[in-house]
Amino acid sequence: MAIVPNGTADNRLVGDHLVADIGGGRAAGLRTVCIYRGTWPDQEHEADHAVADVLQAMEILHGER
């Protein structure tokens, strides 16, 4: 899990655990990026973005500044 400040009040949380990372980030009011590793195949998520790896997460973070 990482909280990524972007210089505004609109920070993001990047994580791979749907409950601890994504659920916690959403509860804290953060936008979320889930690195989906297939660990939760039947679980719905509320992440703003779902990606396969850290490189894709970085592309999203750099593209939203």
N, C-alpha and C. Protein backbone atom coordinates (compact mmCIF):
# COMPACT_ATOMS: atom_id res chain seq x y z
N MET A 1 0.84 -1.16 0.00
CA MET A 1 0.00 0.00 0.00
C MET A 1 0.89 1.23 0.00
N ALA A 2 0.46 2.25 -0.73
CA ALA A 2 1.17 3.52 -0.74
C ALA A 2 0.16 4.64 -0.93
N ILE A 3 0.32 5.69 -0.16
CA ILE A 3 -0.46 6.90 -0.39
C ILE A 3 0.42 7.82 -1.21
N VAL A 4 -0.10 8.24 -2.34
CA VAL A 4 0.69 9.01 -3.29
C VAL A 4 0.19 10.46 -3.32
N PRO A 5 0.90 11.38 -2.65
CA PRO A 5 0.48 12.78 -2.71
C PRO A 5 0.79 13.36 -4.08
N ASN A 6 -0.11 14.18 -4.57
CA ASN A 6 0.13 14.77 -5.89
C ASN A 6 0.15 16.29 -5.84
N GLY A 7 0.31 16.84 -4.65
CA GLY A 7 0.39 18.29 -4.54
C GLY A 7 -0.97 18.96 -4.40
N THR A 8 -2.04 18.17 -4.34
CA THR A 8 -3.37 18.72 -4.15
C THR A 8 -4.05 17.95 -3.03
N ALA A 9 -5.28 18.30 -2.74
CA ALA A 9 -6.04 17.56 -1.73
C ALA A 9 -6.57 16.24 -2.30
N ASP A 10 -6.35 15.99 -3.59
CA ASP A 10 -6.86 14.80 -4.25
C ASP A 10 -5.78 13.73 -4.32
N ASN A 11 -5.45 13.13 -3.18
CA ASN A 11 -4.40 12.12 -3.13
C ASN A 11 -4.96 10.75 -3.48
N ARG A 12 -4.07 9.83 -3.84
CA ARG A 12 -4.46 8.48 -4.22
C ARG A 12 -3.81 7.45 -3.32
N LEU A 13 -4.50 6.32 -3.19
CA LEU A 13 -3.94 5.18 -2.48
C LEU A 13 -3.80 4.05 -3.48
N VAL A 14 -2.62 3.45 -3.53
CA VAL A 14 -2.36 2.31 -4.40
C VAL A 14 -2.17 1.09 -3.52
N GLY A 15 -2.91 0.03 -3.78
CA GLY A 15 -2.78 -1.17 -2.97
C GLY A 15 -3.32 -2.39 -3.68
N ASP A 16 -3.12 -3.57 -3.05
CA ASP A 16 -3.58 -4.81 -3.67
C ASP A 16 -4.55 -5.59 -2.78
N HIS A 17 -4.88 -5.06 -1.62
CA HIS A 17 -5.82 -5.75 -0.74
C HIS A 17 -7.14 -4.99 -0.76
N LEU A 18 -8.21 -5.67 -1.21
CA LEU A 18 -9.49 -4.99 -1.40
C LEU A 18 -10.08 -4.42 -0.13
N VAL A 19 -9.88 -5.09 0.99
CA VAL A 19 -10.47 -4.61 2.25
C VAL A 19 -9.55 -3.61 2.92
N ALA A 20 -8.34 -4.01 3.22
CA ALA A 20 -7.43 -3.15 3.98
C ALA A 20 -6.98 -1.93 3.18
N ASP A 21 -6.62 -2.11 1.93
CA ASP A 21 -6.09 -1.00 1.13
C ASP A 21 -7.21 -0.21 0.45
N ILE A 22 -7.96 -0.86 -0.41
CA ILE A 22 -8.97 -0.15 -1.21
C ILE A 22 -10.13 0.31 -0.33
N GLY A 23 -10.65 -0.59 0.50
CA GLY A 23 -11.74 -0.20 1.40
C GLY A 23 -11.32 0.88 2.38
N GLY A 24 -10.12 0.74 2.92
CA GLY A 24 -9.61 1.75 3.85
C GLY A 24 -9.38 3.09 3.18
N GLY A 25 -8.82 3.05 1.98
CA GLY A 25 -8.59 4.29 1.23
C GLY A 25 -9.89 5.00 0.90
N ARG A 26 -10.89 4.22 0.45
CA ARG A 26 -12.19 4.82 0.14
C ARG A 26 -12.82 5.42 1.40
N ALA A 27 -12.71 4.71 2.53
CA ALA A 27 -13.27 5.21 3.79
C ALA A 27 -12.60 6.51 4.22
N ALA A 28 -11.33 6.67 3.85
CA ALA A 28 -10.59 7.89 4.19
C ALA A 28 -10.81 9.00 3.17
N GLY A 29 -11.60 8.71 2.13
CA GLY A 29 -11.89 9.73 1.13
C GLY A 29 -10.85 9.86 0.04
N LEU A 30 -9.98 8.85 -0.09
CA LEU A 30 -8.94 8.89 -1.12
C LEU A 30 -9.42 8.21 -2.39
N ARG A 31 -8.90 8.65 -3.52
CA ARG A 31 -9.10 7.92 -4.78
C ARG A 31 -8.17 6.71 -4.73
N THR A 32 -8.60 5.61 -5.33
CA THR A 32 -7.85 4.36 -5.17
C THR A 32 -7.47 3.72 -6.50
N VAL A 33 -6.32 3.05 -6.48
CA VAL A 33 -5.85 2.26 -7.61
C VAL A 33 -5.55 0.87 -7.05
N CYS A 34 -6.28 -0.12 -7.54
CA CYS A 34 -6.09 -1.49 -7.08
C CYS A 34 -5.19 -2.24 -8.05
N ILE A 35 -4.10 -2.78 -7.53
CA ILE A 35 -3.24 -3.66 -8.33
C ILE A 35 -3.85 -5.05 -8.17
N TYR A 36 -4.61 -5.45 -9.19
CA TYR A 36 -5.38 -6.69 -9.11
C TYR A 36 -4.52 -7.87 -9.51
N ARG A 37 -4.30 -8.77 -8.56
CA ARG A 37 -3.44 -9.94 -8.79
C ARG A 37 -4.22 -11.24 -8.86
N GLY A 38 -5.55 -11.14 -8.99
CA GLY A 38 -6.38 -12.34 -9.06
C GLY A 38 -6.66 -12.98 -7.72
N THR A 39 -6.30 -12.31 -6.64
CA THR A 39 -6.48 -12.85 -5.30
C THR A 39 -7.95 -12.89 -4.89
N TRP A 40 -8.74 -11.99 -5.45
CA TRP A 40 -10.15 -11.85 -5.08
C TRP A 40 -11.02 -12.07 -6.33
N PRO A 41 -11.04 -13.27 -6.92
CA PRO A 41 -11.70 -13.46 -8.21
C PRO A 41 -13.21 -13.19 -8.22
N ASP A 42 -13.91 -13.45 -7.15
CA ASP A 42 -15.36 -13.28 -7.14
C ASP A 42 -15.80 -12.05 -6.36
N GLN A 43 -14.88 -11.21 -5.98
CA GLN A 43 -15.16 -10.05 -5.14
C GLN A 43 -15.27 -8.79 -5.98
N GLU A 44 -16.36 -8.07 -5.82
CA GLU A 44 -16.50 -6.76 -6.46
C GLU A 44 -15.64 -5.77 -5.70
N HIS A 45 -15.19 -4.73 -6.36
CA HIS A 45 -14.41 -3.71 -5.68
C HIS A 45 -14.92 -2.34 -6.07
N GLU A 46 -14.56 -1.35 -5.28
CA GLU A 46 -14.96 0.02 -5.55
C GLU A 46 -13.77 0.90 -5.86
N ALA A 47 -12.69 0.30 -6.34
CA ALA A 47 -11.50 1.07 -6.68
C ALA A 47 -11.81 1.98 -7.87
N ASP A 48 -11.20 3.15 -7.89
CA ASP A 48 -11.36 4.05 -9.02
C ASP A 48 -10.72 3.49 -10.27
N HIS A 49 -9.63 2.73 -10.08
CA HIS A 49 -8.93 2.09 -11.19
C HIS A 49 -8.47 0.71 -10.73
N ALA A 50 -8.46 -0.25 -11.64
CA ALA A 50 -7.91 -1.58 -11.38
C ALA A 50 -6.88 -1.86 -12.47
N VAL A 51 -5.68 -2.23 -12.06
CA VAL A 51 -4.58 -2.46 -12.99
C VAL A 51 -3.92 -3.80 -12.69
N ALA A 52 -3.11 -4.27 -13.63
CA ALA A 52 -2.45 -5.56 -13.48
C ALA A 52 -1.11 -5.48 -12.75
N ASP A 53 -0.47 -4.32 -12.80
CA ASP A 53 0.85 -4.21 -12.18
C ASP A 53 1.17 -2.76 -11.81
N VAL A 54 2.28 -2.62 -11.14
CA VAL A 54 2.71 -1.30 -10.66
C VAL A 54 2.99 -0.33 -11.80
N LEU A 55 3.48 -0.82 -12.91
CA LEU A 55 3.75 0.07 -14.04
C LEU A 55 2.47 0.72 -14.56
N GLN A 56 1.40 -0.06 -14.63
CA GLN A 56 0.12 0.52 -15.04
C GLN A 56 -0.40 1.52 -14.01
N ALA A 57 -0.18 1.23 -12.73
CA ALA A 57 -0.57 2.17 -11.68
C ALA A 57 0.18 3.49 -11.84
N MET A 58 1.46 3.40 -12.14
CA MET A 58 2.27 4.60 -12.33
C MET A 58 1.76 5.41 -13.52
N GLU A 59 1.36 4.74 -14.60
CA GLU A 59 0.81 5.45 -15.76
C GLU A 59 -0.43 6.23 -15.37
N ILE A 60 -1.30 5.64 -14.58
CA ILE A 60 -2.50 6.32 -14.13
C ILE A 60 -2.14 7.51 -13.25
N LEU A 61 -1.23 7.31 -12.32
CA LEU A 61 -0.85 8.40 -11.41
C LEU A 61 -0.21 9.56 -12.17
N HIS A 62 0.61 9.28 -13.14
CA HIS A 62 1.25 10.33 -13.93
C HIS A 62 0.27 11.01 -14.88
N GLY A 63 -0.71 10.25 -15.36
CA GLY A 63 -1.68 10.79 -16.30
C GLY A 63 -2.74 11.67 -15.67
N GLU A 64 -2.94 11.59 -14.35
CA GLU A 64 -4.00 12.33 -13.67
C GLU A 64 -3.50 13.59 -12.99
N ARG A 65 -2.29 13.96 -13.17
CA ARG A 65 -1.78 15.15 -12.48
C ARG A 65 -2.26 16.40 -13.12
